[in-house]
Amino acid sequence: MGNNMDHLADLAVFARVVELESFSAAAAALARSKSAVSKQVSRLEQRLGTQLLQRTTRKLSLTETGRIVLDHAQRVLLEAEAVDAAVQNLQALPRGLLRVNLPMSFGLAYVAPLLPELLALCPELKVDLTFNDRTIDLLEEEVDVAIRIGANLSDSTLTARRLAPVRPITCAAESYLRKAGVPLKPDDLRQHECLLYKYLPEPETWRYEGPGGPYAVKVSGRLTTNNGDSLRNAAMAGHGVARLPSFIVGPDIAAGRLVPLLEAYEPAPLGIYAVYPAQRYLTPKVRAFIDFYASRFGPEPPWECVLADTARPKSAPGDMKSL
């Protein structure tokens, strides 16, 4: 271990000598004697069995091997600094302003109510919440972390952590079904009044899975909106068939206010994700937020617990966004 630490120290001194193009300048910058700096570079050359620097009275220049070792030294030193930063981040308390972006329905129902508990656990943390069902550019709007439903991370500048599952559920009120009939297979939806969510990539295409494979059904309706709660209210009022995530309609289905439809064709759960700008190490404030909500939601979140007896099948298309 000692030899490794000496080697790292010698690499750091060598890199500083090259950077400043002088043993004397490097010695001054490192608060050491010129002879001590020279000794460390010589020790590194002896260990590697090759000359790294060409020394003249006027200038220093790298040998071919010296250029290779310098590149290695710079990478090793950057890694060492990154390790130090990671350890400090883990040990640091979450503090400062955390900017969070949330989908409207999920944020109001499940994130905001738990915030007082998070703030009590992190007394030096301040939170700035925004609610927006539209997908935003986190970097452009200076957002630290966002929650997204069924995140499709085509944006390589973002990293995601799954917080909990959520299921798409097709449903309608009994009053509507008595009038319009019950759809028994996805194609039946073509004859129904469907309630459409504007921010889906294809609002008029609902995707299902079944014994015959995937189904992509073209649906239509007179109401299109950008908010899931407004679709839920319209469905409960008997205005048509809605397809909404379980965190919006789970309690209504459990209470009998809405009837689940096409259950054998619904895909398996999607994910609810915390997304944040990609970086090697999370800041303590972002880590605290993500860890807190992951622990409160988990694999059996409250919106799924109320539907624990509802059977669901298998694979999940990524066609549901932040309702």
C-alpha atoms as a PDB file:
ATOM      1  CA  MET A   1       0.000   0.000   0.000  1.00  0.00           C
ATOM      2  CA  GLY A   2       2.821   2.379   0.894  1.00  0.00           C
ATOM      3  CA  ASN A   3       4.577   1.773  -2.428  1.00  0.00           C
ATOM      4  CA  ASN A   4       1.351   2.526  -4.301  1.00  0.00           C
ATOM      5  CA  MET A   5       0.903   5.783  -2.412  1.00  0.00           C
ATOM      6  CA  ASP A   6       4.536   6.748  -3.118  1.00  0.00           C
ATOM      7  CA  HIS A   7       4.011   5.963  -6.785  1.00  0.00           C
ATOM      8  CA  LEU A   8       0.909   8.156  -6.909  1.00  0.00           C
ATOM      9  CA  ALA A   9       2.768  10.982  -5.151  1.00  0.00           C
ATOM     10  CA  ASP A  10       5.667  10.703  -7.610  1.00  0.00           C
ATOM     11  CA  LEU A  11       3.258  10.813 -10.560  1.00  0.00           C
ATOM     12  CA  ALA A  12       1.644  13.949  -9.136  1.00  0.00           C
ATOM     13  CA  VAL A  13       5.022  15.675  -8.743  1.00  0.00           C
ATOM     14  CA  PHE A  14       6.106  14.619 -12.245  1.00  0.00           C
ATOM     15  CA  ALA A  15       2.872  16.010 -13.717  1.00  0.00           C
ATOM     16  CA  ARG A  16       3.381  19.320 -11.890  1.00  0.00           C
ATOM     17  CA  VAL A  17       6.977  19.622 -13.140  1.00  0.00           C
ATOM     18  CA  VAL A  18       5.800  19.103 -16.716  1.00  0.00           C
ATOM     19  CA  GLU A  19       2.893  21.522 -16.269  1.00  0.00           C
ATOM     20  CA  LEU A  20       5.168  24.317 -14.960  1.00  0.00           C
ATOM     21  CA  GLU A  21       8.136  23.342 -17.163  1.00  0.00           C
ATOM     22  CA  SER A  22      10.486  23.761 -14.231  1.00  0.00           C
ATOM     23  CA  PHE A  23      11.688  21.886 -11.155  1.00  0.00           C
ATOM     24  CA  SER A  24      12.015  25.184  -9.291  1.00  0.00           C
ATOM     25  CA  ALA A  25       8.497  26.351 -10.138  1.00  0.00           C
ATOM     26  CA  ALA A  26       7.058  22.949  -9.208  1.00  0.00           C
ATOM     27  CA  ALA A  27       8.937  23.006  -5.905  1.00  0.00           C
ATOM     28  CA  ALA A  28       7.538  26.451  -5.101  1.00  0.00           C
ATOM     29  CA  ALA A  29       3.988  25.396  -6.026  1.00  0.00           C
ATOM     30  CA  LEU A  30       4.255  22.253  -3.892  1.00  0.00           C
ATOM     31  CA  ALA A  31       6.034  24.044  -1.009  1.00  0.00           C
ATOM     32  CA  ARG A  32       8.978  21.647  -1.200  1.00  0.00           C
ATOM     33  CA  SER A  33      12.657  21.970  -1.931  1.00  0.00           C
ATOM     34  CA  LYS A  34      13.902  21.685  -5.484  1.00  0.00           C
ATOM     35  CA  SER A  35      16.067  18.708  -4.504  1.00  0.00           C
ATOM     36  CA  ALA A  36      13.060  16.857  -3.028  1.00  0.00           C
ATOM     37  CA  VAL A  37      11.081  17.359  -6.244  1.00  0.00           C
ATOM     38  CA  SER A  38      14.020  16.219  -8.372  1.00  0.00           C
ATOM     39  CA  LYS A  39      14.454  13.163  -6.151  1.00  0.00           C
ATOM     40  CA  GLN A  40      10.821  12.125  -6.628  1.00  0.00           C
ATOM     41  CA  VAL A  41      11.011  12.403 -10.414  1.00  0.00           C
ATOM     42  CA  SER A  42      14.272  10.413 -10.400  1.00  0.00           C
ATOM     43  CA  ARG A  43      12.664   7.759  -8.200  1.00  0.00           C
ATOM     44  CA  LEU A  44       9.768   7.474 -10.684  1.00  0.00           C
ATOM     45  CA  GLU A  45      12.247   7.056 -13.561  1.00  0.00           C
ATOM     46  CA  GLN A  46      14.148   4.390 -11.635  1.00  0.00           C
ATOM     47  CA  ARG A  47      10.959   2.504 -10.830  1.00  0.00           C
ATOM     48  CA  LEU A  48       9.882   2.551 -14.491  1.00  0.00           C
ATOM     49  CA  GLY A  49      13.397   1.879 -15.747  1.00  0.00           C
ATOM     50  CA  THR A  50      13.342   4.666 -18.322  1.00  0.00           C
ATOM     51  CA  GLN A  51      14.041   8.376 -18.718  1.00  0.00           C
ATOM     52  CA  LEU A  52      10.981  10.602 -18.700  1.00  0.00           C
ATOM     53  CA  LEU A  53      12.472  14.081 -19.079  1.00  0.00           C
ATOM     54  CA  GLN A  54      15.266  15.547 -21.158  1.00  0.00           C
ATOM     55  CA  ARG A  55      16.992  18.062 -18.873  1.00  0.00           C
ATOM     56  CA  THR A  56      19.071  20.967 -20.195  1.00  0.00           C
ATOM     57  CA  THR A  57      20.137  24.192 -18.515  1.00  0.00           C
ATOM     58  CA  ARG A  58      17.444  26.108 -20.381  1.00  0.00           C
ATOM     59  CA  LYS A  59      14.404  23.819 -20.659  1.00  0.00           C
ATOM     60  CA  LEU A  60      12.768  20.502 -19.911  1.00  0.00           C
ATOM     61  CA  SER A  61      11.213  18.298 -22.584  1.00  0.00           C
ATOM     62  CA  LEU A  62       9.367  15.012 -22.438  1.00  0.00           C
ATOM     63  CA  THR A  63      10.770  11.844 -23.898  1.00  0.00           C
ATOM     64  CA  GLU A  64       8.434   9.632 -25.897  1.00  0.00           C
ATOM     65  CA  THR A  65       7.946   7.427 -22.823  1.00  0.00           C
ATOM     66  CA  GLY A  66       7.487  10.557 -20.730  1.00  0.00           C
ATOM     67  CA  ARG A  67       4.509  11.619 -22.855  1.00  0.00           C
ATOM     68  CA  ILE A  68       2.866   8.219 -22.296  1.00  0.00           C
ATOM     69  CA  VAL A  69       3.510   8.362 -18.542  1.00  0.00           C
ATOM     70  CA  LEU A  70       2.195  11.936 -18.348  1.00  0.00           C
ATOM     71  CA  ASP A  71      -1.080  10.888 -19.991  1.00  0.00           C
ATOM     72  CA  HIS A  72      -1.372   7.995 -17.524  1.00  0.00           C
ATOM     73  CA  ALA A  73      -0.513  10.265 -14.584  1.00  0.00           C
ATOM     74  CA  GLN A  74      -3.176  12.810 -15.499  1.00  0.00           C
ATOM     75  CA  ARG A  75      -5.849  10.123 -15.761  1.00  0.00           C
ATOM     76  CA  VAL A  76      -4.834   8.526 -12.450  1.00  0.00           C
ATOM     77  CA  LEU A  77      -4.845  11.872 -10.664  1.00  0.00           C
ATOM     78  CA  LEU A  78      -8.279  12.739 -12.055  1.00  0.00           C
ATOM     79  CA  GLU A  79      -9.607   9.397 -10.807  1.00  0.00           C
ATOM     80  CA  ALA A  80      -8.091  10.030  -7.380  1.00  0.00           C
ATOM     81  CA  GLU A  81      -9.777  13.448  -7.240  1.00  0.00           C
ATOM     82  CA  ALA A  82     -13.076  11.883  -8.295  1.00  0.00           C
ATOM     83  CA  VAL A  83     -12.842   9.300  -5.504  1.00  0.00           C
ATOM     84  CA  ASP A  84     -12.219  12.065  -2.965  1.00  0.00           C
ATOM     85  CA  ALA A  85     -15.219  13.996  -4.287  1.00  0.00           C
ATOM     86  CA  ALA A  86     -17.429  10.895  -4.126  1.00  0.00           C
ATOM     87  CA  VAL A  87     -16.482  10.183  -0.515  1.00  0.00           C
ATOM     88  CA  GLN A  88     -17.068  13.803   0.467  1.00  0.00           C
ATOM     89  CA  ASN A  89     -20.465  13.728  -1.241  1.00  0.00           C
ATOM     90  CA  LEU A  90     -21.482  10.601   0.638  1.00  0.00           C
ATOM     91  CA  GLN A  91     -20.445  12.130   3.933  1.00  0.00           C
ATOM     92  CA  ALA A  92     -21.928  15.570   3.285  1.00  0.00           C
ATOM     93  CA  LEU A  93     -25.361  16.609   4.502  1.00  0.00           C
ATOM     94  CA  PRO A  94     -28.009  17.435   1.886  1.00  0.00           C
ATOM     95  CA  ARG A  95     -28.191  21.206   1.839  1.00  0.00           C
ATOM     96  CA  GLY A  96     -29.045  24.125  -0.407  1.00  0.00           C
ATOM     97  CA  LEU A  97     -31.793  24.624  -2.982  1.00  0.00           C
ATOM     98  CA  LEU A  98     -33.145  21.546  -4.775  1.00  0.00           C
ATOM     99  CA  ARG A  99     -35.165  22.284  -7.922  1.00  0.00           C
ATOM    100  CA  VAL A 100     -37.692  19.516  -8.649  1.00  0.00           C
ATOM    101  CA  ASN A 101     -40.038  19.082 -11.628  1.00  0.00           C
ATOM    102  CA  LEU A 102     -43.116  16.851 -11.210  1.00  0.00           C
ATOM    103  CA  PRO A 103     -45.998  15.604 -13.354  1.00  0.00           C
ATOM    104  CA  MET A 104     -49.150  17.321 -12.145  1.00  0.00           C
ATOM    105  CA  SER A 105     -51.389  14.447 -11.026  1.00  0.00           C
ATOM    106  CA  PHE A 106     -48.697  12.232  -9.527  1.00  0.00           C
ATOM    107  CA  GLY A 107     -46.820  15.132  -7.974  1.00  0.00           C
ATOM    108  CA  LEU A 108     -49.849  16.573  -6.201  1.00  0.00           C
ATOM    109  CA  ALA A 109     -51.171  13.214  -5.003  1.00  0.00           C
ATOM    110  CA  TYR A 110     -48.006  11.389  -3.949  1.00  0.00           C
ATOM    111  CA  VAL A 111     -44.886  13.589  -3.922  1.00  0.00           C
ATOM    112  CA  ALA A 112     -46.012  16.868  -2.371  1.00  0.00           C
ATOM    113  CA  PRO A 113     -47.769  15.269   0.645  1.00  0.00           C
ATOM    114  CA  LEU A 114     -44.487  13.607   1.723  1.00  0.00           C
ATOM    115  CA  LEU A 115     -42.340  16.730   1.383  1.00  0.00           C
ATOM    116  CA  PRO A 116     -42.762  17.878   5.013  1.00  0.00           C
ATOM    117  CA  GLU A 117     -41.250  14.571   6.136  1.00  0.00           C
ATOM    118  CA  LEU A 118     -38.291  14.973   3.768  1.00  0.00           C
ATOM    119  CA  LEU A 119     -37.690  18.554   4.937  1.00  0.00           C
ATOM    120  CA  ALA A 120     -37.816  17.423   8.569  1.00  0.00           C
ATOM    121  CA  LEU A 121     -35.171  14.789   7.827  1.00  0.00           C
ATOM    122  CA  CYS A 122     -32.981  17.313   5.941  1.00  0.00           C
ATOM    123  CA  PRO A 123     -33.147  20.592   7.891  1.00  0.00           C
ATOM    124  CA  GLU A 124     -30.590  22.331   5.628  1.00  0.00           C
ATOM    125  CA  LEU A 125     -32.482  21.505   2.425  1.00  0.00           C
ATOM    126  CA  LYS A 126     -34.754  23.915   0.529  1.00  0.00           C
ATOM    127  CA  VAL A 127     -37.065  22.649  -2.236  1.00  0.00           C
ATOM    128  CA  ASP A 128     -38.450  24.509  -5.251  1.00  0.00           C
ATOM    129  CA  LEU A 129     -41.267  22.442  -6.835  1.00  0.00           C
ATOM    130  CA  THR A 130     -42.723  22.961 -10.292  1.00  0.00           C
ATOM    131  CA  PHE A 131     -45.598  20.928 -11.742  1.00  0.00           C
ATOM    132  CA  ASN A 132     -45.669  20.321 -15.471  1.00  0.00           C
ATOM    133  CA  ASP A 133     -47.051  17.442 -17.536  1.00  0.00           C
ATOM    134  CA  ARG A 134     -44.945  18.520 -20.507  1.00  0.00           C
ATOM    135  CA  THR A 135     -41.462  16.975 -20.791  1.00  0.00           C
ATOM    136  CA  ILE A 136     -38.935  19.726 -20.135  1.00  0.00           C
ATOM    137  CA  ASP A 137     -35.206  20.122 -20.732  1.00  0.00           C
ATOM    138  CA  LEU A 138     -33.719  19.733 -17.246  1.00  0.00           C
ATOM    139  CA  LEU A 139     -30.445  21.445 -18.104  1.00  0.00           C
ATOM    140  CA  GLU A 140     -32.057  24.364 -19.886  1.00  0.00           C
ATOM    141  CA  GLU A 141     -34.528  24.983 -17.050  1.00  0.00           C
ATOM    142  CA  GLU A 142     -31.915  24.344 -14.332  1.00  0.00           C
ATOM    143  CA  VAL A 143     -33.822  21.465 -12.740  1.00  0.00           C
ATOM    144  CA  ASP A 144     -31.869  19.151 -10.419  1.00  0.00           C
ATOM    145  CA  VAL A 145     -34.236  16.186 -10.546  1.00  0.00           C
ATOM    146  CA  ALA A 146     -37.573  15.339 -12.183  1.00  0.00           C
ATOM    147  CA  ILE A 147     -40.062  12.511 -11.821  1.00  0.00           C
ATOM    148  CA  ARG A 148     -41.293  10.947 -15.040  1.00  0.00           C
ATOM    149  CA  ILE A 149     -43.736   8.174 -15.817  1.00  0.00           C
ATOM    150  CA  GLY A 150     -42.535   5.462 -18.213  1.00  0.00           C
ATOM    151  CA  ALA A 151     -39.387   7.464 -18.950  1.00  0.00           C
ATOM    152  CA  ASN A 152     -37.937   6.982 -22.405  1.00  0.00           C
ATOM    153  CA  LEU A 153     -34.359   8.225 -21.946  1.00  0.00           C
ATOM    154  CA  SER A 154     -33.340   8.845 -25.514  1.00  0.00           C
ATOM    155  CA  ASP A 155     -31.622  11.920 -24.062  1.00  0.00           C
ATOM    156  CA  SER A 156     -28.102  10.735 -23.201  1.00  0.00           C
ATOM    157  CA  THR A 157     -27.578  13.713 -20.884  1.00  0.00           C
ATOM    158  CA  LEU A 158     -29.968  12.160 -18.333  1.00  0.00           C
ATOM    159  CA  THR A 159     -29.712   9.313 -15.858  1.00  0.00           C
ATOM    160  CA  ALA A 160     -32.747   7.546 -14.364  1.00  0.00           C
ATOM    161  CA  ARG A 161     -33.516   5.553 -11.232  1.00  0.00           C
ATOM    162  CA  ARG A 162     -36.725   3.537 -10.997  1.00  0.00           C
ATOM    163  CA  LEU A 163     -38.784   4.489  -7.950  1.00  0.00           C
ATOM    164  CA  ALA A 164     -41.906   2.339  -8.321  1.00  0.00           C
ATOM    165  CA  PRO A 165     -44.136   0.460 -10.773  1.00  0.00           C
ATOM    166  CA  VAL A 166     -47.316   1.844 -12.305  1.00  0.00           C
ATOM    167  CA  ARG A 167     -49.892   0.118 -14.528  1.00  0.00           C
ATOM    168  CA  PRO A 168     -51.912   1.477 -17.422  1.00  0.00           C
ATOM    169  CA  ILE A 169     -55.599   0.720 -16.835  1.00  0.00           C
ATOM    170  CA  THR A 170     -58.429   1.014 -19.347  1.00  0.00           C
ATOM    171  CA  CYS A 171     -61.641   1.886 -17.528  1.00  0.00           C
ATOM    172  CA  ALA A 172     -65.057   3.506 -17.703  1.00  0.00           C
ATOM    173  CA  ALA A 173     -68.040   4.251 -15.490  1.00  0.00           C
ATOM    174  CA  GLU A 174     -70.934   1.791 -15.274  1.00  0.00           C
ATOM    175  CA  SER A 175     -73.254   4.512 -16.567  1.00  0.00           C
ATOM    176  CA  TYR A 176     -71.253   4.721 -19.807  1.00  0.00           C
ATOM    177  CA  LEU A 177     -70.986   0.932 -20.198  1.00  0.00           C
ATOM    178  CA  ARG A 178     -74.723   0.437 -19.748  1.00  0.00           C
ATOM    179  CA  LYS A 179     -75.291   2.886 -22.590  1.00  0.00           C
ATOM    180  CA  ALA A 180     -72.444   1.949 -24.977  1.00  0.00           C
ATOM    181  CA  GLY A 181     -71.696  -1.688 -24.112  1.00  0.00           C
ATOM    182  CA  VAL A 182     -68.552  -3.321 -22.733  1.00  0.00           C
ATOM    183  CA  PRO A 183     -65.499  -3.630 -25.023  1.00  0.00           C
ATOM    184  CA  LEU A 184     -64.298  -7.233 -24.858  1.00  0.00           C
ATOM    185  CA  LYS A 185     -61.196  -6.925 -27.046  1.00  0.00           C
ATOM    186  CA  PRO A 186     -58.975  -3.956 -27.997  1.00  0.00           C
ATOM    187  CA  ASP A 187     -60.487  -3.608 -31.505  1.00  0.00           C
ATOM    188  CA  ASP A 188     -63.901  -2.947 -29.886  1.00  0.00           C
ATOM    189  CA  LEU A 189     -62.585   0.430 -28.759  1.00  0.00           C
ATOM    190  CA  ARG A 190     -62.942   1.721 -32.317  1.00  0.00           C
ATOM    191  CA  GLN A 191     -66.704   1.912 -31.698  1.00  0.00           C
ATOM    192  CA  HIS A 192     -66.363   3.718 -28.354  1.00  0.00           C
ATOM    193  CA  GLU A 193     -66.020   7.293 -27.212  1.00  0.00           C
ATOM    194  CA  CYS A 194     -62.447   7.434 -25.895  1.00  0.00           C
ATOM    195  CA  LEU A 195     -60.907  10.107 -23.686  1.00  0.00           C
ATOM    196  CA  LEU A 196     -57.505  11.145 -25.044  1.00  0.00           C
ATOM    197  CA  TYR A 197     -54.332  12.352 -23.353  1.00  0.00           C
ATOM    198  CA  LYS A 198     -52.591  15.040 -25.404  1.00  0.00           C
ATOM    199  CA  TYR A 199     -48.966  14.471 -24.360  1.00  0.00           C
ATOM    200  CA  LEU A 200     -48.679  10.883 -25.559  1.00  0.00           C
ATOM    201  CA  PRO A 201     -46.522  10.495 -28.685  1.00  0.00           C
ATOM    202  CA  GLU A 202     -49.626   9.092 -30.446  1.00  0.00           C
ATOM    203  CA  PRO A 203     -52.711  10.163 -28.446  1.00  0.00           C
ATOM    204  CA  GLU A 204     -55.107   8.296 -30.759  1.00  0.00           C
ATOM    205  CA  THR A 205     -53.195   4.989 -30.671  1.00  0.00           C
ATOM    206  CA  TRP A 206     -53.665   2.743 -27.634  1.00  0.00           C
ATOM    207  CA  ARG A 207     -51.292  -0.219 -27.397  1.00  0.00           C
ATOM    208  CA  TYR A 208     -52.071  -3.576 -25.805  1.00  0.00           C
ATOM    209  CA  GLU A 209     -50.588  -7.069 -25.503  1.00  0.00           C
ATOM    210  CA  GLY A 210     -52.511 -10.285 -25.953  1.00  0.00           C
ATOM    211  CA  PRO A 211     -52.274 -13.938 -26.976  1.00  0.00           C
ATOM    212  CA  GLY A 212     -52.016 -12.859 -30.611  1.00  0.00           C
ATOM    213  CA  GLY A 213     -49.207 -10.397 -29.924  1.00  0.00           C
ATOM    214  CA  PRO A 214     -49.237  -6.593 -29.703  1.00  0.00           C
ATOM    215  CA  TYR A 215     -52.309  -4.565 -30.614  1.00  0.00           C
ATOM    216  CA  ALA A 216     -52.169  -0.958 -31.803  1.00  0.00           C
ATOM    217  CA  VAL A 217     -55.737   0.327 -31.829  1.00  0.00           C
ATOM    218  CA  LYS A 218     -56.791   3.621 -33.394  1.00  0.00           C
ATOM    219  CA  VAL A 219     -59.265   5.296 -31.057  1.00  0.00           C
ATOM    220  CA  SER A 220     -61.181   8.551 -31.212  1.00  0.00           C
ATOM    221  CA  GLY A 221     -63.210  10.817 -28.993  1.00  0.00           C
ATOM    222  CA  ARG A 222     -64.466  14.328 -28.493  1.00  0.00           C
ATOM    223  CA  LEU A 223     -62.344  15.143 -25.439  1.00  0.00           C
ATOM    224  CA  THR A 224     -58.547  15.578 -25.529  1.00  0.00           C
ATOM    225  CA  THR A 225     -56.678  17.108 -22.607  1.00  0.00           C
ATOM    226  CA  ASN A 226     -53.194  17.430 -21.146  1.00  0.00           C
ATOM    227  CA  ASN A 227     -54.110  16.356 -17.613  1.00  0.00           C
ATOM    228  CA  GLY A 228     -54.944  12.900 -16.291  1.00  0.00           C
ATOM    229  CA  ASP A 229     -57.253  14.053 -13.495  1.00  0.00           C
ATOM    230  CA  SER A 230     -59.531  15.806 -15.988  1.00  0.00           C
ATOM    231  CA  LEU A 231     -59.773  12.533 -17.962  1.00  0.00           C
ATOM    232  CA  ARG A 232     -60.572  10.654 -14.752  1.00  0.00           C
ATOM    233  CA  ASN A 233     -63.362  13.101 -13.922  1.00  0.00           C
ATOM    234  CA  ALA A 234     -64.795  12.774 -17.421  1.00  0.00           C
ATOM    235  CA  ALA A 235     -64.705   8.981 -17.185  1.00  0.00           C
ATOM    236  CA  MET A 236     -66.468   8.972 -13.814  1.00  0.00           C
ATOM    237  CA  ALA A 237     -69.119  11.287 -15.257  1.00  0.00           C
ATOM    238  CA  GLY A 238     -69.846   8.658 -17.941  1.00  0.00           C
ATOM    239  CA  HIS A 239     -68.363  10.501 -20.926  1.00  0.00           C
ATOM    240  CA  GLY A 240     -66.290   7.628 -22.298  1.00  0.00           C
ATOM    241  CA  VAL A 241     -63.446   5.135 -21.915  1.00  0.00           C
ATOM    242  CA  ALA A 242     -60.171   6.358 -20.374  1.00  0.00           C
ATOM    243  CA  ARG A 243     -56.751   4.764 -20.246  1.00  0.00           C
ATOM    244  CA  LEU A 244     -54.953   6.059 -17.190  1.00  0.00           C
ATOM    245  CA  PRO A 245     -52.176   5.016 -14.802  1.00  0.00           C
ATOM    246  CA  SER A 246     -53.063   3.137 -11.645  1.00  0.00           C
ATOM    247  CA  PHE A 247     -51.957   5.988  -9.387  1.00  0.00           C
ATOM    248  CA  ILE A 248     -54.837   8.073 -10.800  1.00  0.00           C
ATOM    249  CA  VAL A 249     -57.661   5.523 -11.079  1.00  0.00           C
ATOM    250  CA  GLY A 250     -56.619   2.779  -8.629  1.00  0.00           C
ATOM    251  CA  PRO A 251     -58.700   4.097  -5.711  1.00  0.00           C
ATOM    252  CA  ASP A 252     -61.727   4.656  -7.974  1.00  0.00           C
ATOM    253  CA  ILE A 253     -61.553   1.105  -9.307  1.00  0.00           C
ATOM    254  CA  ALA A 254     -61.121  -0.302  -5.793  1.00  0.00           C
ATOM    255  CA  ALA A 255     -64.177   1.688  -4.668  1.00  0.00           C
ATOM    256  CA  GLY A 256     -66.268   0.661  -7.702  1.00  0.00           C
ATOM    257  CA  ARG A 257     -66.525   4.180  -9.154  1.00  0.00           C
ATOM    258  CA  LEU A 258     -64.782   2.979 -12.346  1.00  0.00           C
ATOM    259  CA  VAL A 259     -64.805  -0.449 -13.989  1.00  0.00           C
ATOM    260  CA  PRO A 260     -61.525  -1.915 -15.337  1.00  0.00           C
ATOM    261  CA  LEU A 261     -61.710  -3.116 -18.963  1.00  0.00           C
ATOM    262  CA  LEU A 262     -59.588  -5.329 -21.224  1.00  0.00           C
ATOM    263  CA  GLU A 263     -57.541  -6.562 -18.272  1.00  0.00           C
ATOM    264  CA  ALA A 264     -56.256  -9.586 -20.170  1.00  0.00           C
ATOM    265  CA  TYR A 265     -54.758  -7.265 -22.765  1.00  0.00           C
ATOM    266  CA  GLU A 266     -53.138  -4.638 -20.556  1.00  0.00           C
ATOM    267  CA  PRO A 267     -49.316  -4.633 -20.503  1.00  0.00           C
ATOM    268  CA  ALA A 268     -47.232  -5.221 -17.403  1.00  0.00           C
ATOM    269  CA  PRO A 269     -46.241  -2.296 -15.182  1.00  0.00           C
ATOM    270  CA  LEU A 270     -44.250   0.638 -16.441  1.00  0.00           C
ATOM    271  CA  GLY A 271     -41.878   2.491 -14.148  1.00  0.00           C
ATOM    272  CA  ILE A 272     -41.972   5.769 -12.300  1.00  0.00           C
ATOM    273  CA  TYR A 273     -38.469   7.246 -12.499  1.00  0.00           C
ATOM    274  CA  ALA A 274     -36.387   9.958 -10.927  1.00  0.00           C
ATOM    275  CA  VAL A 275     -34.318  11.484 -13.728  1.00  0.00           C
ATOM    276  CA  TYR A 276     -31.421  13.873 -13.343  1.00  0.00           C
ATOM    277  CA  PRO A 277     -28.589  15.279 -15.463  1.00  0.00           C
ATOM    278  CA  ALA A 278     -26.003  12.584 -16.042  1.00  0.00           C
ATOM    279  CA  GLN A 279     -22.950  12.913 -13.849  1.00  0.00           C
ATOM    280  CA  ARG A 280     -20.608  10.474 -12.217  1.00  0.00           C
ATOM    281  CA  TYR A 281     -21.574  11.289  -8.633  1.00  0.00           C
ATOM    282  CA  LEU A 282     -24.871  12.533  -7.259  1.00  0.00           C
ATOM    283  CA  THR A 283     -24.926  15.600  -5.058  1.00  0.00           C
ATOM    284  CA  PRO A 284     -26.139  14.876  -1.509  1.00  0.00           C
ATOM    285  CA  LYS A 285     -29.373  16.854  -2.014  1.00  0.00           C
ATOM    286  CA  VAL A 286     -30.376  14.894  -5.157  1.00  0.00           C
ATOM    287  CA  ARG A 287     -29.373  11.592  -3.565  1.00  0.00           C
ATOM    288  CA  ALA A 288     -31.441  12.383  -0.454  1.00  0.00           C
ATOM    289  CA  PHE A 289     -34.541  13.183  -2.548  1.00  0.00           C
ATOM    290  CA  ILE A 290     -34.275  10.023  -4.657  1.00  0.00           C
ATOM    291  CA  ASP A 291     -33.483   7.702  -1.735  1.00  0.00           C
ATOM    292  CA  PHE A 292     -36.360   9.145   0.302  1.00  0.00           C
ATOM    293  CA  TYR A 293     -39.029   8.604  -2.356  1.00  0.00           C
ATOM    294  CA  ALA A 294     -37.656   5.218  -3.409  1.00  0.00           C
ATOM    295  CA  SER A 295     -38.017   4.079   0.206  1.00  0.00           C
ATOM    296  CA  ARG A 296     -41.559   5.488   0.551  1.00  0.00           C
ATOM    297  CA  PHE A 297     -42.866   4.025  -2.728  1.00  0.00           C
ATOM    298  CA  GLY A 298     -40.902   0.811  -3.323  1.00  0.00           C
ATOM    299  CA  PRO A 299     -42.079  -2.251  -5.265  1.00  0.00           C
ATOM    300  CA  GLU A 300     -45.577  -2.123  -3.701  1.00  0.00           C
ATOM    301  CA  PRO A 301     -46.616   1.546  -3.696  1.00  0.00           C
ATOM    302  CA  PRO A 302     -49.960   2.643  -2.248  1.00  0.00           C
ATOM    303  CA  TRP A 303     -51.672   2.958  -5.643  1.00  0.00           C
ATOM    304  CA  GLU A 304     -50.819  -0.693  -6.366  1.00  0.00           C
ATOM    305  CA  CYS A 305     -51.734  -1.976  -2.905  1.00  0.00           C
ATOM    306  CA  VAL A 306     -55.376  -0.974  -3.420  1.00  0.00           C
ATOM    307  CA  LEU A 307     -55.370  -3.125  -6.567  1.00  0.00           C
ATOM    308  CA  ALA A 308     -53.457  -6.067  -5.138  1.00  0.00           C
ATOM    309  CA  ASP A 309     -56.118  -8.518  -6.250  1.00  0.00           C
ATOM    310  CA  THR A 310     -56.240  -7.265  -9.852  1.00  0.00           C
ATOM    311  CA  ALA A 311     -54.515  -9.663 -12.268  1.00  0.00           C
ATOM    312  CA  ARG A 312     -52.146  -8.258 -14.869  1.00  0.00           C
ATOM    313  CA  PRO A 313     -50.025  -9.835 -17.635  1.00  0.00           C
ATOM    314  CA  LYS A 314     -46.607  -9.298 -19.012  1.00  0.00           C
ATOM    315  CA  SER A 315     -44.738  -6.885 -21.266  1.00  0.00           C
ATOM    316  CA  ALA A 316     -44.800  -3.087 -21.276  1.00  0.00           C
ATOM    317  CA  PRO A 317     -44.650  -0.712 -24.220  1.00  0.00           C
ATOM    318  CA  GLY A 318     -43.240   2.711 -23.378  1.00  0.00           C
ATOM    319  CA  ASP A 319     -46.252   4.656 -24.593  1.00  0.00           C
ATOM    320  CA  MET A 320     -47.450   6.227 -21.330  1.00  0.00           C
ATOM    321  CA  LYS A 321     -46.116   9.570 -20.189  1.00  0.00           C
ATOM    322  CA  SER A 322     -46.705  11.833 -17.221  1.00  0.00           C
ATOM    323  CA  LEU A 323     -50.467  11.794 -16.704  1.00  0.00           C
END
